[in-house]
Amino acid sequence: MALIEITVDTAGAAGNAAGSVQTDELWLGFLDMVQLVYNAAAPATTTVVVKEARKHGRELLKVENNKTSGVWYPRHDTPKPDGSKEVGQGDMILTSGPLIVEVSGCDALEAAVEVVLQIAYQKTLL
């Protein structure tokens, strides 16, 4: 497993400041865990999005209107053979880096959100 640590600074008007960071790593693996540590001064309107950096990249996690630090385990639904969703089942998301972490709805802050991405079964590309 690999841990990718990111710090996102925000700039702009209070309650409307935003910022983003793209990871440098090129890899293929499963996004297992995302830990968000909010700056103590971040407002409750802060939204964090983790998404793939490629064109038409998927949104892997969105935590809206939050300022409480925590750990999230993004999963996608497991389909049944008929195409419906399996209740209570989910799988880690297979993805490839780099990823983008976007913060919005925040105040202008250095280290508005610190992010740890845990990548399971990582294979480095290139």
N, C-alpha and C. Protein backbone atom coordinates (compact mmCIF):
# COMPACT_ATOMS: atom_id res chain seq x y z
N MET A 1 0.84 -1.18 0.00
CA MET A 1 0.00 0.00 0.00
C MET A 1 0.88 1.24 0.00
N ALA A 2 0.35 2.26 -0.62
CA ALA A 2 1.06 3.54 -0.66
C ALA A 2 0.19 4.61 -0.03
N LEU A 3 0.84 5.55 0.63
CA LEU A 3 0.15 6.72 1.18
C LEU A 3 0.64 7.94 0.41
N ILE A 4 -0.31 8.71 -0.10
CA ILE A 4 0.01 9.96 -0.79
C ILE A 4 -0.55 11.08 0.07
N GLU A 5 0.33 11.98 0.49
CA GLU A 5 -0.07 13.08 1.36
C GLU A 5 -0.09 14.38 0.57
N ILE A 6 -1.18 15.13 0.72
CA ILE A 6 -1.41 16.36 -0.04
C ILE A 6 -1.88 17.44 0.92
N THR A 7 -1.42 18.65 0.71
CA THR A 7 -1.92 19.81 1.45
C THR A 7 -2.51 20.78 0.44
N VAL A 8 -3.76 21.19 0.67
CA VAL A 8 -4.44 22.10 -0.25
C VAL A 8 -4.61 23.45 0.43
N ASP A 9 -4.05 24.49 -0.19
CA ASP A 9 -4.25 25.87 0.25
C ASP A 9 -5.43 26.44 -0.54
N THR A 10 -6.14 27.39 0.05
CA THR A 10 -7.26 28.02 -0.64
C THR A 10 -7.06 29.53 -0.71
N ALA A 11 -7.62 30.13 -1.74
CA ALA A 11 -7.55 31.58 -1.94
C ALA A 11 -8.91 32.07 -2.42
N GLY A 12 -9.26 33.28 -2.02
CA GLY A 12 -10.53 33.87 -2.44
C GLY A 12 -11.28 34.44 -1.26
N ALA A 13 -12.51 34.84 -1.53
CA ALA A 13 -13.35 35.47 -0.51
C ALA A 13 -13.79 34.46 0.53
N ALA A 14 -14.02 34.94 1.73
CA ALA A 14 -14.48 34.09 2.84
C ALA A 14 -15.74 33.33 2.45
N GLY A 15 -15.74 32.03 2.68
CA GLY A 15 -16.87 31.19 2.35
C GLY A 15 -16.94 30.79 0.89
N ASN A 16 -16.03 31.37 0.07
CA ASN A 16 -16.04 31.07 -1.36
C ASN A 16 -14.63 30.79 -1.88
N ALA A 17 -13.68 30.63 -0.99
CA ALA A 17 -12.30 30.37 -1.40
C ALA A 17 -12.16 28.94 -1.90
N ALA A 18 -11.22 28.75 -2.83
CA ALA A 18 -11.03 27.42 -3.42
C ALA A 18 -9.56 27.18 -3.69
N GLY A 19 -9.23 25.91 -3.87
CA GLY A 19 -7.88 25.52 -4.23
C GLY A 19 -7.88 24.08 -4.68
N SER A 20 -6.84 23.69 -5.41
CA SER A 20 -6.74 22.30 -5.84
C SER A 20 -5.28 21.91 -5.98
N VAL A 21 -5.03 20.62 -5.86
CA VAL A 21 -3.69 20.05 -6.01
C VAL A 21 -3.83 18.76 -6.79
N GLN A 22 -2.91 18.55 -7.72
CA GLN A 22 -2.86 17.29 -8.48
C GLN A 22 -1.66 16.50 -8.00
N THR A 23 -1.86 15.21 -7.76
CA THR A 23 -0.75 14.35 -7.35
C THR A 23 0.22 14.18 -8.52
N ASP A 24 1.47 13.88 -8.21
CA ASP A 24 2.49 13.69 -9.24
C ASP A 24 2.59 12.25 -9.70
N GLU A 25 2.15 11.34 -8.86
CA GLU A 25 2.37 9.93 -9.10
C GLU A 25 1.55 9.37 -10.26
N LEU A 26 2.18 8.50 -11.05
CA LEU A 26 1.49 7.72 -12.07
C LEU A 26 1.44 6.29 -11.56
N TRP A 27 0.24 5.78 -11.31
CA TRP A 27 0.09 4.45 -10.73
C TRP A 27 -1.26 3.87 -11.12
N LEU A 28 -1.39 2.60 -10.88
CA LEU A 28 -2.64 1.89 -11.05
C LEU A 28 -2.89 1.17 -9.74
N GLY A 29 -4.08 1.32 -9.18
CA GLY A 29 -4.37 0.68 -7.90
C GLY A 29 -5.79 0.97 -7.45
N PHE A 30 -6.09 0.55 -6.24
CA PHE A 30 -7.42 0.73 -5.66
C PHE A 30 -7.36 1.84 -4.62
N LEU A 31 -8.27 2.82 -4.73
CA LEU A 31 -8.37 3.86 -3.71
C LEU A 31 -9.08 3.25 -2.52
N ASP A 32 -8.34 3.01 -1.46
CA ASP A 32 -8.86 2.31 -0.29
C ASP A 32 -9.41 3.26 0.75
N MET A 33 -8.68 4.36 1.03
CA MET A 33 -9.04 5.23 2.14
C MET A 33 -8.64 6.66 1.82
N VAL A 34 -9.45 7.61 2.31
CA VAL A 34 -9.13 9.03 2.23
C VAL A 34 -9.29 9.62 3.62
N GLN A 35 -8.23 10.23 4.12
CA GLN A 35 -8.29 10.91 5.41
C GLN A 35 -8.23 12.41 5.15
N LEU A 36 -9.18 13.15 5.73
CA LEU A 36 -9.23 14.60 5.60
C LEU A 36 -9.01 15.22 6.97
N VAL A 37 -8.05 16.14 7.03
CA VAL A 37 -7.78 16.88 8.27
C VAL A 37 -7.97 18.36 7.93
N TYR A 38 -9.04 18.92 8.48
CA TYR A 38 -9.40 20.31 8.18
C TYR A 38 -8.65 21.27 9.08
N ASN A 39 -8.28 22.43 8.52
CA ASN A 39 -7.73 23.53 9.29
C ASN A 39 -8.78 23.93 10.32
N ALA A 40 -8.36 24.26 11.53
CA ALA A 40 -9.30 24.62 12.60
C ALA A 40 -10.16 25.82 12.22
N ALA A 41 -9.67 26.67 11.29
CA ALA A 41 -10.42 27.85 10.89
C ALA A 41 -11.31 27.61 9.66
N ALA A 42 -11.33 26.39 9.13
CA ALA A 42 -12.17 26.11 7.96
C ALA A 42 -13.64 26.20 8.34
N PRO A 43 -14.46 26.82 7.48
CA PRO A 43 -15.89 26.94 7.79
C PRO A 43 -16.63 25.63 7.49
N ALA A 44 -17.82 25.51 8.03
CA ALA A 44 -18.66 24.31 7.83
C ALA A 44 -19.17 24.19 6.41
N THR A 45 -18.91 25.18 5.56
CA THR A 45 -19.34 25.15 4.15
C THR A 45 -18.29 24.52 3.24
N THR A 46 -17.20 24.02 3.81
CA THR A 46 -16.09 23.48 3.02
C THR A 46 -16.47 22.17 2.35
N THR A 47 -16.16 22.07 1.06
CA THR A 47 -16.39 20.84 0.29
C THR A 47 -15.07 20.35 -0.28
N VAL A 48 -14.83 19.05 -0.18
CA VAL A 48 -13.62 18.42 -0.71
C VAL A 48 -14.04 17.37 -1.74
N VAL A 49 -13.40 17.41 -2.91
CA VAL A 49 -13.66 16.44 -3.97
C VAL A 49 -12.34 15.78 -4.36
N VAL A 50 -12.34 14.45 -4.46
CA VAL A 50 -11.21 13.69 -4.99
C VAL A 50 -11.67 13.10 -6.31
N LYS A 51 -10.91 13.38 -7.38
CA LYS A 51 -11.33 12.89 -8.69
C LYS A 51 -10.11 12.53 -9.54
N GLU A 52 -10.37 11.77 -10.58
CA GLU A 52 -9.32 11.41 -11.52
C GLU A 52 -8.94 12.63 -12.35
N ALA A 53 -7.65 12.76 -12.64
CA ALA A 53 -7.17 13.93 -13.36
C ALA A 53 -7.37 13.84 -14.86
N ARG A 54 -7.62 12.66 -15.38
CA ARG A 54 -7.75 12.50 -16.83
C ARG A 54 -9.04 13.13 -17.35
N LYS A 55 -9.08 13.37 -18.65
CA LYS A 55 -10.29 13.91 -19.27
C LYS A 55 -11.45 12.96 -18.99
N HIS A 56 -12.56 13.49 -18.58
CA HIS A 56 -13.74 12.71 -18.20
C HIS A 56 -13.48 11.82 -16.99
N GLY A 57 -12.56 12.25 -16.14
CA GLY A 57 -12.24 11.47 -14.94
C GLY A 57 -13.42 11.40 -13.98
N ARG A 58 -13.50 10.31 -13.27
CA ARG A 58 -14.61 10.09 -12.34
C ARG A 58 -14.39 10.82 -11.01
N GLU A 59 -15.48 11.22 -10.41
CA GLU A 59 -15.45 11.75 -9.05
C GLU A 59 -15.46 10.55 -8.11
N LEU A 60 -14.41 10.42 -7.29
CA LEU A 60 -14.25 9.25 -6.45
C LEU A 60 -14.79 9.47 -5.04
N LEU A 61 -14.76 10.71 -4.57
CA LEU A 61 -15.27 11.04 -3.24
C LEU A 61 -15.65 12.51 -3.21
N LYS A 62 -16.79 12.82 -2.59
CA LYS A 62 -17.20 14.21 -2.39
C LYS A 62 -17.74 14.32 -0.98
N VAL A 63 -17.10 15.17 -0.18
CA VAL A 63 -17.53 15.44 1.20
C VAL A 63 -17.96 16.90 1.23
N GLU A 64 -19.27 17.12 1.34
CA GLU A 64 -19.83 18.46 1.22
C GLU A 64 -20.16 19.09 2.58
N ASN A 65 -20.01 20.41 2.64
CA ASN A 65 -20.42 21.20 3.81
C ASN A 65 -19.96 20.54 5.11
N ASN A 66 -18.64 20.44 5.23
CA ASN A 66 -18.07 19.73 6.36
C ASN A 66 -16.79 20.43 6.82
N LYS A 67 -16.50 20.35 8.09
CA LYS A 67 -15.22 20.82 8.61
C LYS A 67 -14.72 19.88 9.71
N THR A 68 -15.32 18.71 9.78
CA THR A 68 -14.93 17.73 10.79
C THR A 68 -13.98 16.72 10.16
N SER A 69 -12.77 16.66 10.68
CA SER A 69 -11.77 15.73 10.17
C SER A 69 -12.26 14.30 10.34
N GLY A 70 -11.83 13.43 9.43
CA GLY A 70 -12.25 12.03 9.52
C GLY A 70 -11.64 11.19 8.43
N VAL A 71 -12.10 9.94 8.38
CA VAL A 71 -11.61 8.96 7.42
C VAL A 71 -12.80 8.44 6.63
N TRP A 72 -12.64 8.36 5.29
CA TRP A 72 -13.68 7.86 4.41
C TRP A 72 -13.13 6.69 3.60
N TYR A 73 -13.99 5.74 3.30
CA TYR A 73 -13.63 4.56 2.51
C TYR A 73 -14.50 4.54 1.25
N PRO A 74 -14.07 5.22 0.17
CA PRO A 74 -14.88 5.27 -1.05
C PRO A 74 -15.06 3.88 -1.65
N ARG A 75 -16.29 3.56 -2.01
CA ARG A 75 -16.59 2.27 -2.62
C ARG A 75 -17.60 2.49 -3.74
N HIS A 76 -17.60 1.60 -4.72
CA HIS A 76 -18.64 1.64 -5.74
C HIS A 76 -19.59 0.48 -5.49
N ASP A 77 -20.81 0.64 -5.97
CA ASP A 77 -21.82 -0.40 -5.78
C ASP A 77 -21.43 -1.67 -6.52
N THR A 78 -21.79 -2.80 -5.94
CA THR A 78 -21.59 -4.10 -6.59
C THR A 78 -22.88 -4.47 -7.31
N PRO A 79 -22.79 -4.69 -8.62
CA PRO A 79 -24.03 -5.01 -9.35
C PRO A 79 -24.39 -6.50 -9.26
N LYS A 80 -25.68 -6.75 -9.29
CA LYS A 80 -26.19 -8.12 -9.41
C LYS A 80 -26.20 -8.48 -10.90
N PRO A 81 -26.36 -9.76 -11.24
CA PRO A 81 -26.41 -10.14 -12.65
C PRO A 81 -27.51 -9.41 -13.45
N ASP A 82 -28.59 -9.01 -12.77
CA ASP A 82 -29.67 -8.31 -13.49
C ASP A 82 -29.43 -6.81 -13.61
N GLY A 83 -28.29 -6.34 -13.10
CA GLY A 83 -27.94 -4.93 -13.20
C GLY A 83 -28.34 -4.09 -12.00
N SER A 84 -29.17 -4.63 -11.10
CA SER A 84 -29.54 -3.89 -9.90
C SER A 84 -28.36 -3.90 -8.92
N LYS A 85 -28.43 -3.06 -7.90
CA LYS A 85 -27.34 -2.94 -6.93
C LYS A 85 -27.50 -3.96 -5.80
N GLU A 86 -26.39 -4.54 -5.41
CA GLU A 86 -26.35 -5.45 -4.27
C GLU A 86 -26.40 -4.59 -3.01
N VAL A 87 -27.35 -4.83 -2.15
CA VAL A 87 -27.51 -4.04 -0.93
C VAL A 87 -26.39 -4.38 0.05
N GLY A 88 -25.74 -3.34 0.57
CA GLY A 88 -24.71 -3.53 1.59
C GLY A 88 -23.38 -4.03 1.06
N GLN A 89 -23.23 -4.06 -0.25
CA GLN A 89 -21.98 -4.52 -0.86
C GLN A 89 -21.32 -3.37 -1.60
N GLY A 90 -20.01 -3.34 -1.57
CA GLY A 90 -19.27 -2.33 -2.30
C GLY A 90 -17.83 -2.76 -2.46
N ASP A 91 -17.20 -2.31 -3.52
CA ASP A 91 -15.82 -2.66 -3.80
C ASP A 91 -14.97 -1.39 -3.84
N MET A 92 -13.68 -1.55 -3.52
CA MET A 92 -12.75 -0.44 -3.69
C MET A 92 -12.76 -0.02 -5.16
N ILE A 93 -12.43 1.23 -5.40
CA ILE A 93 -12.48 1.78 -6.75
C ILE A 93 -11.11 1.62 -7.42
N LEU A 94 -11.08 0.87 -8.53
CA LEU A 94 -9.85 0.75 -9.31
C LEU A 94 -9.68 2.04 -10.10
N THR A 95 -8.52 2.64 -9.96
CA THR A 95 -8.28 3.92 -10.62
C THR A 95 -6.80 4.03 -10.95
N SER A 96 -6.45 5.08 -11.64
CA SER A 96 -5.05 5.33 -11.93
C SER A 96 -4.75 6.79 -11.66
N GLY A 97 -3.52 7.04 -11.20
CA GLY A 97 -3.11 8.40 -10.90
C GLY A 97 -2.60 9.08 -12.15
N PRO A 98 -2.52 10.37 -12.12
CA PRO A 98 -2.68 11.21 -10.95
C PRO A 98 -4.15 11.49 -10.61
N LEU A 99 -4.34 11.95 -9.36
CA LEU A 99 -5.65 12.37 -8.89
C LEU A 99 -5.61 13.86 -8.58
N ILE A 100 -6.79 14.48 -8.54
CA ILE A 100 -6.91 15.89 -8.16
C ILE A 100 -7.75 15.97 -6.90
N VAL A 101 -7.31 16.79 -5.95
CA VAL A 101 -8.10 17.09 -4.77
C VAL A 101 -8.49 18.56 -4.87
N GLU A 102 -9.80 18.83 -4.86
CA GLU A 102 -10.33 20.19 -4.95
C GLU A 102 -11.02 20.55 -3.65
N VAL A 103 -10.78 21.77 -3.19
CA VAL A 103 -11.45 22.29 -2.00
C VAL A 103 -12.20 23.55 -2.43
N SER A 104 -13.46 23.67 -2.03
CA SER A 104 -14.26 24.86 -2.34
C SER A 104 -15.13 25.22 -1.14
N GLY A 105 -15.74 26.40 -1.21
CA GLY A 105 -16.62 26.85 -0.14
C GLY A 105 -15.90 27.11 1.17
N CYS A 106 -14.61 27.40 1.08
CA CYS A 106 -13.76 27.57 2.27
C CYS A 106 -13.42 29.06 2.44
N ASP A 107 -12.67 29.37 3.46
CA ASP A 107 -12.05 30.68 3.62
C ASP A 107 -10.64 30.60 3.05
N ALA A 108 -10.01 31.73 2.80
CA ALA A 108 -8.63 31.74 2.31
C ALA A 108 -7.71 31.28 3.44
N LEU A 109 -7.13 30.09 3.27
CA LEU A 109 -6.31 29.49 4.32
C LEU A 109 -5.10 28.75 3.75
N GLU A 110 -3.97 28.85 4.44
CA GLU A 110 -2.87 27.95 4.14
C GLU A 110 -3.20 26.63 4.82
N ALA A 111 -2.93 25.54 4.13
CA ALA A 111 -3.24 24.20 4.66
C ALA A 111 -4.71 24.13 5.09
N ALA A 112 -5.60 24.52 4.17
CA ALA A 112 -7.03 24.47 4.46
C ALA A 112 -7.46 23.04 4.77
N VAL A 113 -6.93 22.09 3.99
CA VAL A 113 -7.23 20.67 4.21
C VAL A 113 -5.97 19.87 3.92
N GLU A 114 -5.63 18.99 4.83
CA GLU A 114 -4.56 18.02 4.59
C GLU A 114 -5.22 16.69 4.26
N VAL A 115 -4.72 16.04 3.21
CA VAL A 115 -5.37 14.84 2.68
C VAL A 115 -4.35 13.70 2.62
N VAL A 116 -4.78 12.52 3.06
CA VAL A 116 -3.99 11.31 2.88
C VAL A 116 -4.81 10.35 2.04
N LEU A 117 -4.23 9.92 0.92
CA LEU A 117 -4.86 8.94 0.04
C LEU A 117 -4.13 7.61 0.22
N GLN A 118 -4.85 6.57 0.56
CA GLN A 118 -4.24 5.26 0.69
C GLN A 118 -4.60 4.44 -0.55
N ILE A 119 -3.55 4.03 -1.26
CA ILE A 119 -3.74 3.28 -2.50
C ILE A 119 -3.32 1.83 -2.24
N ALA A 120 -4.27 0.91 -2.41
CA ALA A 120 -4.00 -0.51 -2.19
C ALA A 120 -3.59 -1.17 -3.51
N TYR A 121 -2.69 -2.12 -3.42
CA TYR A 121 -2.25 -2.89 -4.59
C TYR A 121 -1.72 -1.99 -5.68
N GLN A 122 -0.86 -1.08 -5.30
CA GLN A 122 -0.35 -0.09 -6.23
C GLN A 122 0.69 -0.68 -7.17
N LYS A 123 0.60 -0.30 -8.43
CA LYS A 123 1.63 -0.59 -9.41
C LYS A 123 2.04 0.73 -10.03
N THR A 124 3.32 1.07 -9.90
CA THR A 124 3.82 2.32 -10.46
C THR A 124 3.92 2.19 -11.98
N LEU A 125 3.45 3.20 -12.67
CA LEU A 125 3.52 3.23 -14.12
C LEU A 125 4.66 4.12 -14.56
N LEU A 126 5.33 3.75 -15.62
CA LEU A 126 6.48 4.48 -16.20
C LEU A 126 7.67 4.42 -15.35
